[in-house]
C-alpha atoms as a PDB file:
ATOM      1  CA  UNK A   1     -16.880 -23.637  29.868  1.00  0.00           C
ATOM      2  CA  UNK A   2     -18.146 -20.494  28.155  1.00  0.00           C
ATOM      3  CA  UNK A   3     -18.196 -17.186  29.960  1.00  0.00           C
ATOM      4  CA  UNK A   4     -20.940 -14.739  29.084  1.00  0.00           C
ATOM      5  CA  UNK A   5     -20.308 -11.028  28.966  1.00  0.00           C
ATOM      6  CA  UNK A   6     -22.529  -8.867  31.129  1.00  0.00           C
ATOM      7  CA  UNK A   7     -25.381  -7.323  29.140  1.00  0.00           C
ATOM      8  CA  UNK A   8     -24.271  -3.737  29.874  1.00  0.00           C
ATOM      9  CA  UNK A   9     -20.721  -4.434  28.656  1.00  0.00           C
ATOM     10  CA  UNK A  10     -22.068  -6.029  25.462  1.00  0.00           C
ATOM     11  CA  UNK A  11     -24.350  -3.018  24.870  1.00  0.00           C
ATOM     12  CA  UNK A  12     -21.398  -0.628  25.297  1.00  0.00           C
ATOM     13  CA  UNK A  13     -19.355  -2.679  22.860  1.00  0.00           C
ATOM     14  CA  UNK A  14     -22.179  -2.740  20.313  1.00  0.00           C
ATOM     15  CA  UNK A  15     -22.682   1.025  20.648  1.00  0.00           C
ATOM     16  CA  UNK A  16     -18.955   1.621  20.187  1.00  0.00           C
ATOM     17  CA  UNK A  17     -18.787  -0.569  17.094  1.00  0.00           C
ATOM     18  CA  UNK A  18     -21.893   1.017  15.660  1.00  0.00           C
ATOM     19  CA  UNK A  19     -20.458   4.496  16.300  1.00  0.00           C
ATOM     20  CA  UNK A  20     -17.187   3.558  14.636  1.00  0.00           C
ATOM     21  CA  UNK A  21     -18.921   2.322  11.509  1.00  0.00           C
ATOM     22  CA  UNK A  22     -21.294   5.295  11.341  1.00  0.00           C
ATOM     23  CA  UNK A  23     -18.475   7.866  11.469  1.00  0.00           C
ATOM     24  CA  UNK A  24     -17.474   6.889   7.923  1.00  0.00           C
ATOM     25  CA  UNK A  25     -19.645   9.097   5.758  1.00  0.00           C
ATOM     26  CA  UNK A  26     -20.963   7.256   2.762  1.00  0.00           C
ATOM     27  CA  UNK A  27     -22.382   9.291  -0.104  1.00  0.00           C
ATOM     28  CA  UNK A  28     -26.156   9.268  -0.188  1.00  0.00           C
ATOM     29  CA  UNK A  29     -26.896   8.526  -3.825  1.00  0.00           C
ATOM     30  CA  UNK A  30     -25.156   6.403  -6.419  1.00  0.00           C
ATOM     31  CA  UNK A  31     -23.881   9.305  -8.531  1.00  0.00           C
ATOM     32  CA  UNK A  32     -21.966  10.735  -5.553  1.00  0.00           C
ATOM     33  CA  UNK A  33     -20.607   7.269  -4.767  1.00  0.00           C
ATOM     34  CA  UNK A  34     -19.489   6.778  -8.370  1.00  0.00           C
ATOM     35  CA  UNK A  35     -17.842  10.219  -8.422  1.00  0.00           C
ATOM     36  CA  UNK A  36     -15.949   9.479  -5.207  1.00  0.00           C
ATOM     37  CA  UNK A  37     -14.818   6.108  -6.548  1.00  0.00           C
ATOM     38  CA  UNK A  38     -13.786   7.665  -9.855  1.00  0.00           C
ATOM     39  CA  UNK A  39     -11.732  10.283  -8.002  1.00  0.00           C
ATOM     40  CA  UNK A  40      -9.932   7.586  -6.002  1.00  0.00           C
ATOM     41  CA  UNK A  41      -9.167   5.468  -9.049  1.00  0.00           C
ATOM     42  CA  UNK A  42      -8.073   8.416 -11.189  1.00  0.00           C
ATOM     43  CA  UNK A  43      -5.271   9.195  -8.731  1.00  0.00           C
ATOM     44  CA  UNK A  44      -3.844   5.694  -8.964  1.00  0.00           C
ATOM     45  CA  UNK A  45      -4.353   5.576 -12.718  1.00  0.00           C
ATOM     46  CA  UNK A  46      -2.456   8.847 -13.152  1.00  0.00           C
ATOM     47  CA  UNK A  47       0.484   7.678 -11.078  1.00  0.00           C
ATOM     48  CA  UNK A  48       0.729   4.353 -12.905  1.00  0.00           C
ATOM     49  CA  UNK A  49       0.444   6.023 -16.314  1.00  0.00           C
ATOM     50  CA  UNK A  50       3.186   8.467 -15.314  1.00  0.00           C
ATOM     51  CA  UNK A  51       5.403   5.529 -14.480  1.00  0.00           C
ATOM     52  CA  UNK A  52       4.689   3.881 -17.816  1.00  0.00           C
ATOM     53  CA  UNK A  53       4.935   6.979 -20.041  1.00  0.00           C
ATOM     54  CA  UNK A  54       7.997   8.502 -18.421  1.00  0.00           C
ATOM     55  CA  UNK A  55      10.454   6.812 -20.822  1.00  0.00           C
ATOM     56  CA  UNK A  56      11.836   5.009 -17.814  1.00  0.00           C
ATOM     57  CA  UNK A  57      13.642   1.715 -18.263  1.00  0.00           C
ATOM     58  CA  UNK A  58      11.487  -1.375 -17.871  1.00  0.00           C
ATOM     59  CA  UNK A  59      10.611  -2.187 -14.301  1.00  0.00           C
ATOM     60  CA  UNK A  60      11.358  -5.607 -12.935  1.00  0.00           C
ATOM     61  CA  UNK A  61       9.424  -7.053 -10.014  1.00  0.00           C
ATOM     62  CA  UNK A  62      11.472  -8.639  -7.299  1.00  0.00           C
ATOM     63  CA  UNK A  63      10.407 -10.080  -3.974  1.00  0.00           C
ATOM     64  CA  UNK A  64      12.521  -8.728  -1.153  1.00  0.00           C
ATOM     65  CA  UNK A  65      11.572 -10.341   2.135  1.00  0.00           C
ATOM     66  CA  UNK A  66       7.791 -10.237   1.980  1.00  0.00           C
ATOM     67  CA  UNK A  67       7.580  -7.096  -0.191  1.00  0.00           C
ATOM     68  CA  UNK A  68       7.130  -6.900  -3.957  1.00  0.00           C
ATOM     69  CA  UNK A  69       9.515  -4.210  -5.147  1.00  0.00           C
ATOM     70  CA  UNK A  70       9.675  -2.798  -8.648  1.00  0.00           C
ATOM     71  CA  UNK A  71      12.998  -1.399  -9.747  1.00  0.00           C
ATOM     72  CA  UNK A  72      14.522  -0.576 -13.113  1.00  0.00           C
ATOM     73  CA  UNK A  73      16.320  -3.502 -14.709  1.00  0.00           C
ATOM     74  CA  UNK A  74      19.557  -1.492 -15.021  1.00  0.00           C
ATOM     75  CA  UNK A  75      19.440  -0.705 -11.324  1.00  0.00           C
ATOM     76  CA  UNK A  76      18.683  -4.327 -10.532  1.00  0.00           C
ATOM     77  CA  UNK A  77      21.817  -5.311 -12.447  1.00  0.00           C
ATOM     78  CA  UNK A  78      23.865  -2.826 -10.405  1.00  0.00           C
ATOM     79  CA  UNK A  79      22.868  -4.602  -7.195  1.00  0.00           C
ATOM     80  CA  UNK A  80      25.109  -7.612  -7.612  1.00  0.00           C
ATOM     81  CA  UNK A  81      24.430  -9.542  -4.444  1.00  0.00           C
ATOM     82  CA  UNK A  82      20.678  -9.938  -4.039  1.00  0.00           C
ATOM     83  CA  UNK A  83      21.059 -12.149  -0.966  1.00  0.00           C
ATOM     84  CA  UNK A  84      22.572  -9.198   0.888  1.00  0.00           C
ATOM     85  CA  UNK A  85      19.405  -7.146   0.356  1.00  0.00           C
ATOM     86  CA  UNK A  86      16.984  -9.932   1.293  1.00  0.00           C
ATOM     87  CA  UNK A  87      17.193  -9.485   5.052  1.00  0.00           C
ATOM     88  CA  UNK A  88      17.398  -5.689   5.084  1.00  0.00           C
ATOM     89  CA  UNK A  89      14.631  -3.499   6.467  1.00  0.00           C
ATOM     90  CA  UNK A  90      12.748  -1.730   3.696  1.00  0.00           C
ATOM     91  CA  UNK A  91      13.974   1.833   4.380  1.00  0.00           C
ATOM     92  CA  UNK A  92      17.617   0.698   4.562  1.00  0.00           C
ATOM     93  CA  UNK A  93      17.147  -1.062   1.252  1.00  0.00           C
ATOM     94  CA  UNK A  94      15.668   2.051  -0.365  1.00  0.00           C
ATOM     95  CA  UNK A  95      18.568   4.176   0.881  1.00  0.00           C
ATOM     96  CA  UNK A  96      21.057   1.595  -0.417  1.00  0.00           C
ATOM     97  CA  UNK A  97      19.354   1.459  -3.808  1.00  0.00           C
ATOM     98  CA  UNK A  98      19.166   5.235  -4.160  1.00  0.00           C
ATOM     99  CA  UNK A  99      22.777   5.830  -3.115  1.00  0.00           C
ATOM    100  CA  UNK A 100      23.940   3.142  -5.508  1.00  0.00           C
ATOM    101  CA  UNK A 101      21.800   4.619  -8.311  1.00  0.00           C
ATOM    102  CA  UNK A 102      22.893   8.254  -7.900  1.00  0.00           C
ATOM    103  CA  UNK A 103      26.635   7.685  -7.457  1.00  0.00           C
END
């Protein structure tokens, strides 16, 4: 058996959802939209190019729990027992990796 929401409650919900979506300001014309998108992508492009051009050792992707983690291959070799890190919370893992790296 379906229950119907009262009309007033549905109108309040619709107004709330409409207000939530209208608070996001979208640029009016396409050039502003493109500029905003370019600004967002340039930040990520800069950070990834810094990672690549920083003469850092090659990064190796590893799945830890449900996270994809990139770490230098040398550092990955220093962590001998990968099964120990699999169940760790992410911040504990980062602390363990950094302390092991900077010893």
